[in-house]
Amino acid sequence: MEEKKLVRKMGNRMICGVCSGIADYLKVDVTVIRLIMVALAFTSIGIIFYIAAAFLMPEGEF
């Protein structure tokens, strides 16, 4: 059984790869995660979460 890890995906990224990594971890389309992040960006919570995740999530493979 393969162990799932939450990492930033560098191959399918637009800014830092956070949304791509979350989508891969949750096995959903990256567009869905990006739309959720855009909706959350209208609140300060979404922006803070993205910046924190960009610094805390380790880089993954391509």
PDB file of N, CA and C in Angstrom:
ATOM      1  N   MET A   1       0.847  -1.185   0.000  1.00  0.00           N
ATOM      2  CA  MET A   1       0.000   0.000   0.000  1.00  0.00           C
ATOM      3  C   MET A   1       0.889   1.243   0.000  1.00  0.00           C
ATOM      4  N   GLU A   2       0.550   2.161  -0.866  1.00  0.00           N
ATOM      5  CA  GLU A   2       1.344   3.374  -1.006  1.00  0.00           C
ATOM      6  C   GLU A   2       0.953   4.396   0.058  1.00  0.00           C
ATOM      7  N   GLU A   3       1.948   4.976   0.684  1.00  0.00           N
ATOM      8  CA  GLU A   3       1.705   5.985   1.716  1.00  0.00           C
ATOM      9  C   GLU A   3       1.449   7.335   1.048  1.00  0.00           C
ATOM     10  N   LYS A   4       0.353   7.998   1.436  1.00  0.00           N
ATOM     11  CA  LYS A   4       0.022   9.304   0.886  1.00  0.00           C
ATOM     12  C   LYS A   4       0.759  10.384   1.664  1.00  0.00           C
ATOM     13  N   LYS A   5       1.352  11.326   0.942  1.00  0.00           N
ATOM     14  CA  LYS A   5       2.025  12.456   1.561  1.00  0.00           C
ATOM     15  C   LYS A   5       1.502  13.741   0.944  1.00  0.00           C
ATOM     16  N   LEU A   6       1.339  14.729   1.776  1.00  0.00           N
ATOM     17  CA  LEU A   6       0.905  16.047   1.317  1.00  0.00           C
ATOM     18  C   LEU A   6       2.141  16.866   0.984  1.00  0.00           C
ATOM     19  N   VAL A   7       2.397  17.038  -0.302  1.00  0.00           N
ATOM     20  CA  VAL A   7       3.565  17.786  -0.767  1.00  0.00           C
ATOM     21  C   VAL A   7       3.139  18.738  -1.877  1.00  0.00           C
ATOM     22  N   ARG A   8       3.926  19.787  -2.071  1.00  0.00           N
ATOM     23  CA  ARG A   8       3.679  20.704  -3.187  1.00  0.00           C
ATOM     24  C   ARG A   8       4.164  20.038  -4.465  1.00  0.00           C
ATOM     25  N   LYS A   9       3.313  19.976  -5.471  1.00  0.00           N
ATOM     26  CA  LYS A   9       3.668  19.373  -6.751  1.00  0.00           C
ATOM     27  C   LYS A   9       4.299  20.431  -7.648  1.00  0.00           C
ATOM     28  N   MET A  10       5.513  20.203  -8.065  1.00  0.00           N
ATOM     29  CA  MET A  10       6.229  21.186  -8.858  1.00  0.00           C
ATOM     30  C   MET A  10       5.910  21.078 -10.347  1.00  0.00           C
ATOM     31  N   GLY A  11       5.407  19.941 -10.802  1.00  0.00           N
ATOM     32  CA  GLY A  11       5.147  19.760 -12.221  1.00  0.00           C
ATOM     33  C   GLY A  11       3.871  20.419 -12.708  1.00  0.00           C
ATOM     34  N   ASN A  12       2.878  20.543 -11.856  1.00  0.00           N
ATOM     35  CA  ASN A  12       1.573  21.078 -12.266  1.00  0.00           C
ATOM     36  C   ASN A  12       1.228  22.294 -11.413  1.00  0.00           C
ATOM     37  N   ARG A  13       2.128  23.236 -11.352  1.00  0.00           N
ATOM     38  CA  ARG A  13       1.900  24.379 -10.480  1.00  0.00           C
ATOM     39  C   ARG A  13       1.641  25.642 -11.264  1.00  0.00           C
ATOM     40  N   MET A  14       0.956  26.570 -10.606  1.00  0.00           N
ATOM     41  CA  MET A  14       0.750  27.900 -11.182  1.00  0.00           C
ATOM     42  C   MET A  14       1.561  28.929 -10.396  1.00  0.00           C
ATOM     43  N   ILE A  15       1.543  28.822  -9.075  1.00  0.00           N
ATOM     44  CA  ILE A  15       2.321  29.746  -8.246  1.00  0.00           C
ATOM     45  C   ILE A  15       3.350  28.947  -7.444  1.00  0.00           C
ATOM     46  N   CYS A  16       2.897  28.230  -6.429  1.00  0.00           N
ATOM     47  CA  CYS A  16       3.811  27.462  -5.574  1.00  0.00           C
ATOM     48  C   CYS A  16       3.547  25.959  -5.590  1.00  0.00           C
ATOM     49  N   GLY A  17       2.480  25.519  -6.192  1.00  0.00           N
ATOM     50  CA  GLY A  17       2.171  24.100  -6.240  1.00  0.00           C
ATOM     51  C   GLY A  17       1.312  23.601  -5.100  1.00  0.00           C
ATOM     52  N   VAL A  18       0.800  24.504  -4.274  1.00  0.00           N
ATOM     53  CA  VAL A  18      -0.004  24.118  -3.113  1.00  0.00           C
ATOM     54  C   VAL A  18      -1.310  23.465  -3.556  1.00  0.00           C
ATOM     55  N   CYS A  19      -2.030  24.092  -4.448  1.00  0.00           N
ATOM     56  CA  CYS A  19      -3.321  23.543  -4.903  1.00  0.00           C
ATOM     57  C   CYS A  19      -3.133  22.207  -5.604  1.00  0.00           C
ATOM     58  N   SER A  20      -2.091  22.099  -6.381  1.00  0.00           N
ATOM     59  CA  SER A  20      -1.804  20.843  -7.079  1.00  0.00           C
ATOM     60  C   SER A  20      -1.501  19.718  -6.096  1.00  0.00           C
ATOM     61  N   GLY A  21      -0.759  20.018  -5.055  1.00  0.00           N
ATOM     62  CA  GLY A  21      -0.452  19.017  -4.039  1.00  0.00           C
ATOM     63  C   GLY A  21      -1.674  18.588  -3.252  1.00  0.00           C
ATOM     64  N   ILE A  22      -2.526  19.544  -2.901  1.00  0.00           N
ATOM     65  CA  ILE A  22      -3.756  19.227  -2.170  1.00  0.00           C
ATOM     66  C   ILE A  22      -4.685  18.390  -3.044  1.00  0.00           C
ATOM     67  N   ALA A  23      -4.801  18.751  -4.314  1.00  0.00           N
ATOM     68  CA  ALA A  23      -5.662  17.997  -5.230  1.00  0.00           C
ATOM     69  C   ALA A  23      -5.160  16.567  -5.397  1.00  0.00           C
ATOM     70  N   ASP A  24      -3.876  16.395  -5.507  1.00  0.00           N
ATOM     71  CA  ASP A  24      -3.313  15.052  -5.640  1.00  0.00           C
ATOM     72  C   ASP A  24      -3.550  14.239  -4.369  1.00  0.00           C
ATOM     73  N   TYR A  25      -3.397  14.864  -3.221  1.00  0.00           N
ATOM     74  CA  TYR A  25      -3.602  14.185  -1.942  1.00  0.00           C
ATOM     75  C   TYR A  25      -5.057  13.749  -1.767  1.00  0.00           C
ATOM     76  N   LEU A  26      -5.990  14.617  -2.156  1.00  0.00           N
ATOM     77  CA  LEU A  26      -7.412  14.328  -2.000  1.00  0.00           C
ATOM     78  C   LEU A  26      -8.000  13.569  -3.188  1.00  0.00           C
ATOM     79  N   LYS A  27      -7.221  13.391  -4.245  1.00  0.00           N
ATOM     80  CA  LYS A  27      -7.656  12.688  -5.466  1.00  0.00           C
ATOM     81  C   LYS A  27      -8.851  13.377  -6.125  1.00  0.00           C
ATOM     82  N   VAL A  28      -8.771  14.710  -6.240  1.00  0.00           N
ATOM     83  CA  VAL A  28      -9.782  15.491  -6.943  1.00  0.00           C
ATOM     84  C   VAL A  28      -9.087  16.312  -8.027  1.00  0.00           C
ATOM     85  N   ASP A  29      -9.871  16.889  -8.913  1.00  0.00           N
ATOM     86  CA  ASP A  29      -9.315  17.707  -9.978  1.00  0.00           C
ATOM     87  C   ASP A  29      -8.718  18.981  -9.396  1.00  0.00           C
ATOM     88  N   VAL A  30      -7.568  19.369  -9.909  1.00  0.00           N
ATOM     89  CA  VAL A  30      -6.874  20.545  -9.386  1.00  0.00           C
ATOM     90  C   VAL A  30      -7.694  21.817  -9.612  1.00  0.00           C
ATOM     91  N   THR A  31      -8.527  21.845 -10.645  1.00  0.00           N
ATOM     92  CA  THR A  31      -9.358  23.016 -10.916  1.00  0.00           C
ATOM     93  C   THR A  31     -10.346  23.273  -9.781  1.00  0.00           C
ATOM     94  N   VAL A  32     -10.876  22.215  -9.209  1.00  0.00           N
ATOM     95  CA  VAL A  32     -11.814  22.358  -8.096  1.00  0.00           C
ATOM     96  C   VAL A  32     -11.115  23.020  -6.906  1.00  0.00           C
ATOM     97  N   ILE A  33      -9.926  22.553  -6.597  1.00  0.00           N
ATOM     98  CA  ILE A  33      -9.167  23.121  -5.470  1.00  0.00           C
ATOM     99  C   ILE A  33      -8.805  24.578  -5.760  1.00  0.00           C
ATOM    100  N   ARG A  34      -8.424  24.874  -6.981  1.00  0.00           N
ATOM    101  CA  ARG A  34      -8.074  26.253  -7.333  1.00  0.00           C
ATOM    102  C   ARG A  34      -9.278  27.178  -7.224  1.00  0.00           C
ATOM    103  N   LEU A  35     -10.443  26.708  -7.635  1.00  0.00           N
ATOM    104  CA  LEU A  35     -11.653  27.533  -7.505  1.00  0.00           C
ATOM    105  C   LEU A  35     -12.009  27.773  -6.042  1.00  0.00           C
ATOM    106  N   ILE A  36     -11.834  26.762  -5.208  1.00  0.00           N
ATOM    107  CA  ILE A  36     -12.076  26.928  -3.765  1.00  0.00           C
ATOM    108  C   ILE A  36     -11.095  27.939  -3.184  1.00  0.00           C
ATOM    109  N   MET A  37      -9.838  27.869  -3.604  1.00  0.00           N
ATOM    110  CA  MET A  37      -8.835  28.807  -3.091  1.00  0.00           C
ATOM    111  C   MET A  37      -9.123  30.234  -3.552  1.00  0.00           C
ATOM    112  N   VAL A  38      -9.616  30.393  -4.777  1.00  0.00           N
ATOM    113  CA  VAL A  38      -9.978  31.735  -5.253  1.00  0.00           C
ATOM    114  C   VAL A  38     -11.136  32.283  -4.430  1.00  0.00           C
ATOM    115  N   ALA A  39     -12.120  31.437  -4.136  1.00  0.00           N
ATOM    116  CA  ALA A  39     -13.247  31.874  -3.312  1.00  0.00           C
ATOM    117  C   ALA A  39     -12.773  32.253  -1.911  1.00  0.00           C
ATOM    118  N   LEU A  40     -11.849  31.474  -1.361  1.00  0.00           N
ATOM    119  CA  LEU A  40     -11.319  31.783  -0.031  1.00  0.00           C
ATOM    120  C   LEU A  40     -10.397  33.002  -0.041  1.00  0.00           C
ATOM    121  N   ALA A  41      -9.859  33.342  -1.197  1.00  0.00           N
ATOM    122  CA  ALA A  41      -8.951  34.486  -1.285  1.00  0.00           C
ATOM    123  C   ALA A  41      -9.678  35.803  -1.026  1.00  0.00           C
ATOM    124  N   PHE A  42     -10.994  35.810  -1.185  1.00  0.00           N
ATOM    125  CA  PHE A  42     -11.746  37.023  -0.883  1.00  0.00           C
ATOM    126  C   PHE A  42     -11.822  37.285   0.615  1.00  0.00           C
ATOM    127  N   THR A  43     -11.466  36.275   1.396  1.00  0.00           N
ATOM    128  CA  THR A  43     -11.314  36.455   2.837  1.00  0.00           C
ATOM    129  C   THR A  43      -9.826  36.411   3.129  1.00  0.00           C
ATOM    130  N   SER A  44      -9.423  36.965   4.203  1.00  0.00           N
ATOM    131  CA  SER A  44      -7.996  36.935   4.524  1.00  0.00           C
ATOM    132  C   SER A  44      -7.546  35.533   4.929  1.00  0.00           C
ATOM    133  N   ILE A  45      -8.478  34.671   5.298  1.00  0.00           N
ATOM    134  CA  ILE A  45      -8.141  33.302   5.708  1.00  0.00           C
ATOM    135  C   ILE A  45      -7.512  32.534   4.566  1.00  0.00           C
ATOM    136  N   GLY A  46      -8.066  32.660   3.368  1.00  0.00           N
ATOM    137  CA  GLY A  46      -7.543  31.930   2.219  1.00  0.00           C
ATOM    138  C   GLY A  46      -6.124  32.340   1.869  1.00  0.00           C
ATOM    139  N   ILE A  47      -5.847  33.618   1.917  1.00  0.00           N
ATOM    140  CA  ILE A  47      -4.512  34.120   1.594  1.00  0.00           C
ATOM    141  C   ILE A  47      -3.514  33.661   2.645  1.00  0.00           C
ATOM    142  N   ILE A  48      -3.879  33.756   3.910  1.00  0.00           N
ATOM    143  CA  ILE A  48      -2.990  33.312   4.992  1.00  0.00           C
ATOM    144  C   ILE A  48      -2.734  31.815   4.895  1.00  0.00           C
ATOM    145  N   PHE A  49      -3.791  31.037   4.610  1.00  0.00           N
ATOM    146  CA  PHE A  49      -3.630  29.590   4.473  1.00  0.00           C
ATOM    147  C   PHE A  49      -2.673  29.249   3.337  1.00  0.00           C
ATOM    148  N   TYR A  50      -2.827  29.901   2.190  1.00  0.00           N
ATOM    149  CA  TYR A  50      -1.987  29.590   1.036  1.00  0.00           C
ATOM    150  C   TYR A  50      -0.525  29.920   1.320  1.00  0.00           C
ATOM    151  N   ILE A  51      -0.268  31.069   1.912  1.00  0.00           N
ATOM    152  CA  ILE A  51       1.114  31.456   2.222  1.00  0.00           C
ATOM    153  C   ILE A  51       1.722  30.495   3.232  1.00  0.00           C
ATOM    154  N   ALA A  52       0.951  30.142   4.264  1.00  0.00           N
ATOM    155  CA  ALA A  52       1.452  29.197   5.263  1.00  0.00           C
ATOM    156  C   ALA A  52       1.727  27.832   4.638  1.00  0.00           C
ATOM    157  N   ALA A  53       0.828  27.372   3.787  1.00  0.00           N
ATOM    158  CA  ALA A  53       1.016  26.071   3.140  1.00  0.00           C
ATOM    159  C   ALA A  53       2.223  26.089   2.212  1.00  0.00           C
ATOM    160  N   ALA A  54       2.456  27.200   1.535  1.00  0.00           N
ATOM    161  CA  ALA A  54       3.608  27.302   0.640  1.00  0.00           C
ATOM    162  C   ALA A  54       4.920  27.178   1.403  1.00  0.00           C
ATOM    163  N   PHE A  55       4.948  27.667   2.631  1.00  0.00           N
ATOM    164  CA  PHE A  55       6.166  27.569   3.432  1.00  0.00           C
ATOM    165  C   PHE A  55       6.277  26.244   4.185  1.00  0.00           C
ATOM    166  N   LEU A  56       5.144  25.670   4.601  1.00  0.00           N
ATOM    167  CA  LEU A  56       5.179  24.482   5.444  1.00  0.00           C
ATOM    168  C   LEU A  56       5.172  23.155   4.683  1.00  0.00           C
ATOM    169  N   MET A  57       4.542  23.124   3.517  1.00  0.00           N
ATOM    170  CA  MET A  57       4.483  21.879   2.745  1.00  0.00           C
ATOM    171  C   MET A  57       5.829  21.633   2.067  1.00  0.00           C
ATOM    172  N   PRO A  58       6.365  20.428   2.187  1.00  0.00           N
ATOM    173  CA  PRO A  58       7.640  20.139   1.501  1.00  0.00           C
ATOM    174  C   PRO A  58       7.413  20.007  -0.009  1.00  0.00           C
ATOM    175  N   GLU A  59       8.486  20.237  -0.759  1.00  0.00           N
ATOM    176  CA  GLU A  59       8.409  20.085  -2.205  1.00  0.00           C
ATOM    177  C   GLU A  59       8.351  18.617  -2.564  1.00  0.00           C
ATOM    178  N   GLY A  60       7.525  18.308  -3.542  1.00  0.00           N
ATOM    179  CA  GLY A  60       7.416  16.935  -4.026  1.00  0.00           C
ATOM    180  C   GLY A  60       8.105  16.789  -5.362  1.00  0.00           C
ATOM    181  N   GLU A  61       7.900  15.638  -5.959  1.00  0.00           N
ATOM    182  CA  GLU A  61       8.485  15.375  -7.262  1.00  0.00           C
ATOM    183  C   GLU A  61       7.647  16.015  -8.353  1.00  0.00           C
ATOM    184  N   PHE A  62       8.096  15.903  -9.556  1.00  0.00           N
ATOM    185  CA  PHE A  62       7.376  16.445 -10.707  1.00  0.00           C
ATOM    186  C   PHE A  62       6.265  15.531 -11.014  1.00  0.00           C
TER     187      PHE A  62
END
